[in-house]
PDB file of N, CA and C in Angstrom:
ATOM      1  N   UNK A   1      -0.073 -25.867  17.601  1.00  0.00           N
ATOM      2  CA  UNK A   1       1.120 -25.054  18.097  1.00  0.00           C
ATOM      3  C   UNK A   1       1.052 -25.422  19.633  1.00  0.00           C
ATOM      4  N   UNK A   2       1.981 -26.212  19.915  1.00  0.00           N
ATOM      5  CA  UNK A   2       1.420 -26.378  21.588  1.00  0.00           C
ATOM      6  C   UNK A   2       2.847 -25.756  22.476  1.00  0.00           C
ATOM      7  N   UNK A   3       4.098 -25.642  21.817  1.00  0.00           N
ATOM      8  CA  UNK A   3       4.911 -25.148  22.580  1.00  0.00           C
ATOM      9  C   UNK A   3       5.044 -23.457  22.463  1.00  0.00           C
ATOM     10  N   UNK A   4       5.152 -22.965  23.402  1.00  0.00           N
ATOM     11  CA  UNK A   4       5.391 -21.522  23.662  1.00  0.00           C
ATOM     12  C   UNK A   4       6.463 -20.963  22.893  1.00  0.00           C
ATOM     13  N   UNK A   5       7.590 -21.589  23.048  1.00  0.00           N
ATOM     14  CA  UNK A   5       8.718 -21.143  22.117  1.00  0.00           C
ATOM     15  C   UNK A   5       8.491 -21.216  20.723  1.00  0.00           C
ATOM     16  N   UNK A   6       7.672 -22.035  19.915  1.00  0.00           N
ATOM     17  CA  UNK A   6       7.328 -22.012  18.604  1.00  0.00           C
ATOM     18  C   UNK A   6       6.480 -20.753  18.364  1.00  0.00           C
ATOM     19  N   UNK A   7       5.371 -20.566  19.280  1.00  0.00           N
ATOM     20  CA  UNK A   7       4.413 -19.584  19.338  1.00  0.00           C
ATOM     21  C   UNK A   7       5.476 -18.197  19.150  1.00  0.00           C
ATOM     22  N   UNK A   8       6.390 -18.107  20.101  1.00  0.00           N
ATOM     23  CA  UNK A   8       7.061 -16.933  20.098  1.00  0.00           C
ATOM     24  C   UNK A   8       8.124 -16.723  18.822  1.00  0.00           C
ATOM     25  N   UNK A   9       8.465 -17.783  18.254  1.00  0.00           N
ATOM     26  CA  UNK A   9       9.210 -17.417  17.355  1.00  0.00           C
ATOM     27  C   UNK A   9       8.434 -17.035  16.182  1.00  0.00           C
ATOM     28  N   UNK A  10       7.170 -17.588  15.650  1.00  0.00           N
ATOM     29  CA  UNK A  10       6.174 -17.320  15.024  1.00  0.00           C
ATOM     30  C   UNK A  10       5.822 -15.679  15.222  1.00  0.00           C
ATOM     31  N   UNK A  11       5.476 -15.493  16.455  1.00  0.00           N
ATOM     32  CA  UNK A  11       5.119 -14.097  16.796  1.00  0.00           C
ATOM     33  C   UNK A  11       6.047 -12.979  16.226  1.00  0.00           C
ATOM     34  N   UNK A  12       7.388 -13.219  16.424  1.00  0.00           N
ATOM     35  CA  UNK A  12       8.719 -12.886  16.127  1.00  0.00           C
ATOM     36  C   UNK A  12       8.798 -12.419  14.567  1.00  0.00           C
ATOM     37  N   UNK A  13       8.913 -13.470  13.925  1.00  0.00           N
ATOM     38  CA  UNK A  13       8.777 -13.514  12.493  1.00  0.00           C
ATOM     39  C   UNK A  13       7.650 -12.797  12.021  1.00  0.00           C
ATOM     40  N   UNK A  14       6.264 -12.807  12.355  1.00  0.00           N
ATOM     41  CA  UNK A  14       5.150 -12.266  11.948  1.00  0.00           C
ATOM     42  C   UNK A  14       5.285 -10.816  12.107  1.00  0.00           C
ATOM     43  N   UNK A  15       5.756 -10.040  13.376  1.00  0.00           N
ATOM     44  CA  UNK A  15       5.722  -8.725  13.511  1.00  0.00           C
ATOM     45  C   UNK A  15       6.843  -8.281  12.649  1.00  0.00           C
ATOM     46  N   UNK A  16       7.845  -8.820  12.244  1.00  0.00           N
ATOM     47  CA  UNK A  16       8.840  -8.387  11.166  1.00  0.00           C
ATOM     48  C   UNK A  16       8.714  -8.561   9.978  1.00  0.00           C
ATOM     49  N   UNK A  17       7.428  -8.882   9.560  1.00  0.00           N
ATOM     50  CA  UNK A  17       6.767  -9.318   8.136  1.00  0.00           C
ATOM     51  C   UNK A  17       8.103 -10.352   7.290  1.00  0.00           C
ATOM     52  N   UNK A  18       8.345 -11.379   8.148  1.00  0.00           N
ATOM     53  CA  UNK A  18       9.317 -11.897   7.573  1.00  0.00           C
ATOM     54  C   UNK A  18       8.219 -13.195   6.743  1.00  0.00           C
ATOM     55  N   UNK A  19       8.070 -12.803   5.794  1.00  0.00           N
ATOM     56  CA  UNK A  19       6.789 -13.633   4.881  1.00  0.00           C
ATOM     57  C   UNK A  19       7.606 -13.957   3.729  1.00  0.00           C
ATOM     58  N   UNK A  20       7.265 -15.372   3.021  1.00  0.00           N
ATOM     59  CA  UNK A  20       7.576 -15.519   1.414  1.00  0.00           C
ATOM     60  C   UNK A  20       8.955 -15.545   1.494  1.00  0.00           C
ATOM     61  N   UNK A  21       9.152 -14.591   0.535  1.00  0.00           N
ATOM     62  CA  UNK A  21      10.365 -14.297  -0.407  1.00  0.00           C
ATOM     63  C   UNK A  21      11.264 -13.417   0.685  1.00  0.00           C
ATOM     64  N   UNK A  22      10.532 -12.920   1.751  1.00  0.00           N
ATOM     65  CA  UNK A  22      11.696 -12.072   2.364  1.00  0.00           C
ATOM     66  C   UNK A  22      12.388 -13.306   3.794  1.00  0.00           C
ATOM     67  N   UNK A  23      13.361 -13.288   3.957  1.00  0.00           N
ATOM     68  CA  UNK A  23      13.732 -14.179   4.995  1.00  0.00           C
ATOM     69  C   UNK A  23      14.551 -13.825   5.906  1.00  0.00           C
ATOM     70  N   UNK A  24      15.075 -14.619   6.801  1.00  0.00           N
ATOM     71  CA  UNK A  24      16.068 -14.155   7.611  1.00  0.00           C
ATOM     72  C   UNK A  24      16.732 -15.307   8.097  1.00  0.00           C
ATOM     73  N   UNK A  25      17.959 -15.182   8.657  1.00  0.00           N
ATOM     74  CA  UNK A  25      18.862 -16.287   9.227  1.00  0.00           C
ATOM     75  C   UNK A  25      18.394 -16.991  10.233  1.00  0.00           C
ATOM     76  N   UNK A  26      18.544 -18.147  10.452  1.00  0.00           N
ATOM     77  CA  UNK A  26      18.001 -19.243  11.680  1.00  0.00           C
ATOM     78  C   UNK A  26      18.725 -18.728  12.860  1.00  0.00           C
ATOM     79  N   UNK A  27      19.691 -17.953  12.962  1.00  0.00           N
ATOM     80  CA  UNK A  27      20.122 -17.387  14.060  1.00  0.00           C
ATOM     81  C   UNK A  27      19.335 -16.373  14.596  1.00  0.00           C
ATOM     82  N   UNK A  28      18.692 -15.565  13.788  1.00  0.00           N
ATOM     83  CA  UNK A  28      17.992 -14.143  13.686  1.00  0.00           C
ATOM     84  C   UNK A  28      16.835 -14.921  14.263  1.00  0.00           C
ATOM     85  N   UNK A  29      16.245 -15.459  13.562  1.00  0.00           N
ATOM     86  CA  UNK A  29      15.024 -16.405  13.706  1.00  0.00           C
ATOM     87  C   UNK A  29      14.566 -16.864  15.357  1.00  0.00           C
ATOM     88  N   UNK A  30      15.633 -17.287  16.202  1.00  0.00           N
ATOM     89  CA  UNK A  30      15.396 -17.805  17.549  1.00  0.00           C
ATOM     90  C   UNK A  30      16.196 -16.734  18.381  1.00  0.00           C
ATOM     91  N   UNK A  31      16.563 -15.579  17.872  1.00  0.00           N
ATOM     92  CA  UNK A  31      17.005 -14.567  18.903  1.00  0.00           C
ATOM     93  C   UNK A  31      15.949 -14.027  19.772  1.00  0.00           C
ATOM     94  N   UNK A  32      14.703 -14.603  19.498  1.00  0.00           N
ATOM     95  CA  UNK A  32      13.618 -13.957  20.271  1.00  0.00           C
ATOM     96  C   UNK A  32      13.228 -14.859  21.458  1.00  0.00           C
ATOM     97  N   UNK A  33      14.185 -15.895  21.533  1.00  0.00           N
ATOM     98  CA  UNK A  33      13.963 -17.021  22.716  1.00  0.00           C
ATOM     99  C   UNK A  33      15.066 -16.806  23.836  1.00  0.00           C
ATOM    100  N   UNK A  34      14.517 -16.875  24.750  1.00  0.00           N
ATOM    101  CA  UNK A  34      15.616 -16.926  26.183  1.00  0.00           C
ATOM    102  C   UNK A  34      16.634 -17.373  25.852  1.00  0.00           C
ATOM    103  N   UNK A  35      17.973 -16.941  26.402  1.00  0.00           N
ATOM    104  CA  UNK A  35      19.396 -17.460  26.158  1.00  0.00           C
ATOM    105  C   UNK A  35      19.401 -18.984  26.303  1.00  0.00           C
ATOM    106  N   UNK A  36      18.833 -19.230  27.604  1.00  0.00           N
ATOM    107  CA  UNK A  36      18.992 -20.579  27.649  1.00  0.00           C
ATOM    108  C   UNK A  36      17.800 -21.679  26.832  1.00  0.00           C
ATOM    109  N   UNK A  37      17.162 -21.257  26.176  1.00  0.00           N
ATOM    110  CA  UNK A  37      16.562 -21.862  25.277  1.00  0.00           C
ATOM    111  C   UNK A  37      16.750 -22.033  23.633  1.00  0.00           C
ATOM    112  N   UNK A  38      18.287 -21.260  23.457  1.00  0.00           N
ATOM    113  CA  UNK A  38      18.407 -20.898  21.846  1.00  0.00           C
ATOM    114  C   UNK A  38      19.102 -22.033  21.055  1.00  0.00           C
ATOM    115  N   UNK A  39      19.507 -22.777  22.384  1.00  0.00           N
ATOM    116  CA  UNK A  39      20.025 -24.229  21.835  1.00  0.00           C
ATOM    117  C   UNK A  39      19.229 -25.251  21.254  1.00  0.00           C
ATOM    118  N   UNK A  40      17.510 -24.777  21.405  1.00  0.00           N
ATOM    119  CA  UNK A  40      16.760 -26.221  21.073  1.00  0.00           C
ATOM    120  C   UNK A  40      16.260 -25.347  19.713  1.00  0.00           C
ATOM    121  N   UNK A  41      16.610 -24.297  19.398  1.00  0.00           N
ATOM    122  CA  UNK A  41      15.726 -23.362  18.259  1.00  0.00           C
ATOM    123  C   UNK A  41      15.990 -24.209  17.125  1.00  0.00           C
ATOM    124  N   UNK A  42      16.928 -24.894  16.468  1.00  0.00           N
ATOM    125  CA  UNK A  42      16.922 -25.459  15.345  1.00  0.00           C
ATOM    126  C   UNK A  42      15.901 -26.656  15.221  1.00  0.00           C
ATOM    127  N   UNK A  43      15.804 -27.271  16.514  1.00  0.00           N
ATOM    128  CA  UNK A  43      14.671 -28.390  16.690  1.00  0.00           C
ATOM    129  C   UNK A  43      13.595 -27.609  16.462  1.00  0.00           C
ATOM    130  N   UNK A  44      13.223 -26.546  17.196  1.00  0.00           N
ATOM    131  CA  UNK A  44      12.185 -25.848  17.170  1.00  0.00           C
ATOM    132  C   UNK A  44      11.623 -25.317  15.666  1.00  0.00           C
ATOM    133  N   UNK A  45      12.768 -25.003  14.949  1.00  0.00           N
ATOM    134  CA  UNK A  45      12.581 -24.422  13.465  1.00  0.00           C
ATOM    135  C   UNK A  45      12.009 -25.756  12.558  1.00  0.00           C
ATOM    136  N   UNK A  46      12.645 -26.790  12.970  1.00  0.00           N
ATOM    137  CA  UNK A  46      12.247 -28.079  12.089  1.00  0.00           C
ATOM    138  C   UNK A  46      10.738 -28.647  12.458  1.00  0.00           C
ATOM    139  N   UNK A  47      10.427 -28.344  13.899  1.00  0.00           N
ATOM    140  CA  UNK A  47       8.866 -28.875  14.114  1.00  0.00           C
ATOM    141  C   UNK A  47       7.855 -27.639  13.329  1.00  0.00           C
ATOM    142  N   UNK A  48       8.460 -26.693  13.289  1.00  0.00           N
ATOM    143  CA  UNK A  48       7.525 -25.556  12.583  1.00  0.00           C
ATOM    144  C   UNK A  48       7.491 -25.876  11.155  1.00  0.00           C
ATOM    145  N   UNK A  49       8.598 -26.173  10.754  1.00  0.00           N
ATOM    146  CA  UNK A  49       8.394 -26.540   9.203  1.00  0.00           C
ATOM    147  C   UNK A  49       7.323 -27.922   8.788  1.00  0.00           C
ATOM    148  N   UNK A  50       7.635 -28.535   9.738  1.00  0.00           N
ATOM    149  CA  UNK A  50       6.967 -30.334   9.623  1.00  0.00           C
ATOM    150  C   UNK A  50       5.387 -29.550   9.719  1.00  0.00           C
ATOM    151  N   UNK A  51       5.246 -28.683  10.554  1.00  0.00           N
ATOM    152  CA  UNK A  51       3.685 -28.325  10.629  1.00  0.00           C
ATOM    153  C   UNK A  51       3.668 -27.228   9.321  1.00  0.00           C
ATOM    154  N   UNK A  52       4.311 -27.141   8.580  1.00  0.00           N
ATOM    155  CA  UNK A  52       3.957 -26.336   7.514  1.00  0.00           C
ATOM    156  C   UNK A  52       3.768 -24.838   7.750  1.00  0.00           C
ATOM    157  N   UNK A  53       4.394 -24.201   8.724  1.00  0.00           N
ATOM    158  CA  UNK A  53       4.330 -22.645   9.350  1.00  0.00           C
ATOM    159  C   UNK A  53       5.453 -22.179   8.802  1.00  0.00           C
ATOM    160  N   UNK A  54       6.301 -22.562   8.547  1.00  0.00           N
ATOM    161  CA  UNK A  54       7.720 -21.948   8.082  1.00  0.00           C
ATOM    162  C   UNK A  54       8.296 -22.447   7.043  1.00  0.00           C
ATOM    163  N   UNK A  55       9.073 -21.682   5.874  1.00  0.00           N
ATOM    164  CA  UNK A  55       9.876 -22.383   4.916  1.00  0.00           C
ATOM    165  C   UNK A  55      11.293 -22.080   5.043  1.00  0.00           C
ATOM    166  N   UNK A  56      12.072 -22.943   4.702  1.00  0.00           N
ATOM    167  CA  UNK A  56      13.392 -22.838   4.699  1.00  0.00           C
ATOM    168  C   UNK A  56      13.991 -22.503   3.212  1.00  0.00           C
ATOM    169  N   UNK A  57      14.922 -21.517   3.310  1.00  0.00           N
ATOM    170  CA  UNK A  57      15.080 -20.848   1.988  1.00  0.00           C
ATOM    171  C   UNK A  57      16.713 -21.020   1.838  1.00  0.00           C
ATOM    172  N   UNK A  58      17.644 -22.031   1.135  1.00  0.00           N
ATOM    173  CA  UNK A  58      18.994 -22.152   1.283  1.00  0.00           C
ATOM    174  C   UNK A  58      19.688 -21.134   0.368  1.00  0.00           C
ATOM    175  N   UNK A  59      20.491 -20.481   1.165  1.00  0.00           N
ATOM    176  CA  UNK A  59      21.416 -19.429   0.319  1.00  0.00           C
ATOM    177  C   UNK A  59      23.072 -19.651   0.361  1.00  0.00           C
ATOM    178  N   UNK A  60      23.926 -19.391  -0.436  1.00  0.00           N
ATOM    179  CA  UNK A  60      25.029 -19.552  -0.469  1.00  0.00           C
ATOM    180  C   UNK A  60      25.901 -19.122   0.917  1.00  0.00           C
ATOM    181  N   UNK A  61      24.830 -18.498   1.945  1.00  0.00           N
ATOM    182  CA  UNK A  61      25.683 -18.006   3.116  1.00  0.00           C
ATOM    183  C   UNK A  61      25.119 -18.592   4.092  1.00  0.00           C
ATOM    184  N   UNK A  62      24.476 -19.431   3.963  1.00  0.00           N
ATOM    185  CA  UNK A  62      23.649 -20.383   5.043  1.00  0.00           C
ATOM    186  C   UNK A  62      21.609 -20.615   5.134  1.00  0.00           C
ATOM    187  N   UNK A  63      21.513 -21.035   5.686  1.00  0.00           N
ATOM    188  CA  UNK A  63      19.988 -21.481   5.812  1.00  0.00           C
ATOM    189  C   UNK A  63      19.095 -20.500   6.188  1.00  0.00           C
ATOM    190  N   UNK A  64      17.962 -19.813   5.713  1.00  0.00           N
ATOM    191  CA  UNK A  64      17.346 -18.672   6.071  1.00  0.00           C
ATOM    192  C   UNK A  64      15.879 -19.502   6.086  1.00  0.00           C
ATOM    193  N   UNK A  65      14.979 -18.566   6.776  1.00  0.00           N
ATOM    194  CA  UNK A  65      13.643 -19.017   7.083  1.00  0.00           C
ATOM    195  C   UNK A  65      12.645 -17.535   7.131  1.00  0.00           C
ATOM    196  N   UNK A  66      11.535 -18.209   6.431  1.00  0.00           N
ATOM    197  CA  UNK A  66      10.298 -17.194   6.337  1.00  0.00           C
ATOM    198  C   UNK A  66       9.183 -17.890   6.661  1.00  0.00           C
ATOM    199  N   UNK A  67       8.055 -17.067   6.970  1.00  0.00           N
ATOM    200  CA  UNK A  67       6.868 -17.582   7.256  1.00  0.00           C
ATOM    201  C   UNK A  67       5.987 -18.276   5.994  1.00  0.00           C
ATOM    202  N   UNK A  68       5.313 -18.995   6.110  1.00  0.00           N
ATOM    203  CA  UNK A  68       4.846 -19.690   5.065  1.00  0.00           C
ATOM    204  C   UNK A  68       3.484 -18.619   4.644  1.00  0.00           C
ATOM    205  N   UNK A  69       3.447 -18.146   3.301  1.00  0.00           N
ATOM    206  CA  UNK A  69       2.159 -17.323   3.061  1.00  0.00           C
ATOM    207  C   UNK A  69       1.177 -17.910   3.192  1.00  0.00           C
ATOM    208  N   UNK A  70       0.337 -19.046   2.925  1.00  0.00           N
ATOM    209  CA  UNK A  70      -0.428 -19.700   2.707  1.00  0.00           C
ATOM    210  C   UNK A  70      -0.732 -19.804   4.087  1.00  0.00           C
ATOM    211  N   UNK A  71      -0.468 -19.875   4.898  1.00  0.00           N
ATOM    212  CA  UNK A  71      -0.682 -20.469   6.702  1.00  0.00           C
ATOM    213  C   UNK A  71      -0.649 -19.320   7.427  1.00  0.00           C
ATOM    214  N   UNK A  72      -0.891 -17.569   6.772  1.00  0.00           N
ATOM    215  CA  UNK A  72      -0.956 -16.672   7.407  1.00  0.00           C
ATOM    216  C   UNK A  72      -2.291 -16.500   8.453  1.00  0.00           C
ATOM    217  N   UNK A  73      -3.044 -17.042   7.537  1.00  0.00           N
ATOM    218  CA  UNK A  73      -4.681 -16.785   8.859  1.00  0.00           C
ATOM    219  C   UNK A  73      -4.220 -17.479   9.830  1.00  0.00           C
ATOM    220  N   UNK A  74      -3.947 -18.726   9.942  1.00  0.00           N
ATOM    221  CA  UNK A  74      -3.944 -19.536  10.838  1.00  0.00           C
ATOM    222  C   UNK A  74      -2.440 -19.081  11.777  1.00  0.00           C
ATOM    223  N   UNK A  75      -1.361 -18.772  11.392  1.00  0.00           N
ATOM    224  CA  UNK A  75      -0.634 -18.143  12.103  1.00  0.00           C
ATOM    225  C   UNK A  75      -1.035 -17.143  13.048  1.00  0.00           C
ATOM    226  N   UNK A  76      -1.895 -16.224  12.485  1.00  0.00           N
ATOM    227  CA  UNK A  76      -2.488 -15.012  12.969  1.00  0.00           C
ATOM    228  C   UNK A  76      -3.220 -15.740  14.393  1.00  0.00           C
ATOM    229  N   UNK A  77      -4.013 -16.647  14.029  1.00  0.00           N
ATOM    230  CA  UNK A  77      -4.917 -17.168  15.256  1.00  0.00           C
ATOM    231  C   UNK A  77      -3.973 -17.800  16.216  1.00  0.00           C
ATOM    232  N   UNK A  78      -2.858 -18.300  15.933  1.00  0.00           N
ATOM    233  CA  UNK A  78      -2.063 -18.779  17.134  1.00  0.00           C
ATOM    234  C   UNK A  78      -1.620 -17.734  17.826  1.00  0.00           C
ATOM    235  N   UNK A  79      -0.887 -16.689  17.180  1.00  0.00           N
ATOM    236  CA  UNK A  79      -0.340 -15.702  18.091  1.00  0.00           C
ATOM    237  C   UNK A  79      -1.054 -14.997  18.783  1.00  0.00           C
ATOM    238  N   UNK A  80      -2.550 -14.918  18.262  1.00  0.00           N
ATOM    239  CA  UNK A  80      -3.248 -13.990  19.167  1.00  0.00           C
ATOM    240  C   UNK A  80      -3.722 -14.430  20.677  1.00  0.00           C
TER     241      UNK A  80
END
């Protein structure tokens, strides 16, 4: 994880305990970013998914995200 914005998203989701079956909308996941960087939020979420840190959950009302529970130890190291 090189980007500070990706780290900020991981930290926000971790603090709110958005892990595994508990998920939140992509808009809520990117609210922790500065307003001028929220446009890149979707791209950052896709990068985090490629790296295996977050999972996408399709719902009837939109796409939701949560932290990958198998990567929690690694995520803790990143956000510390």
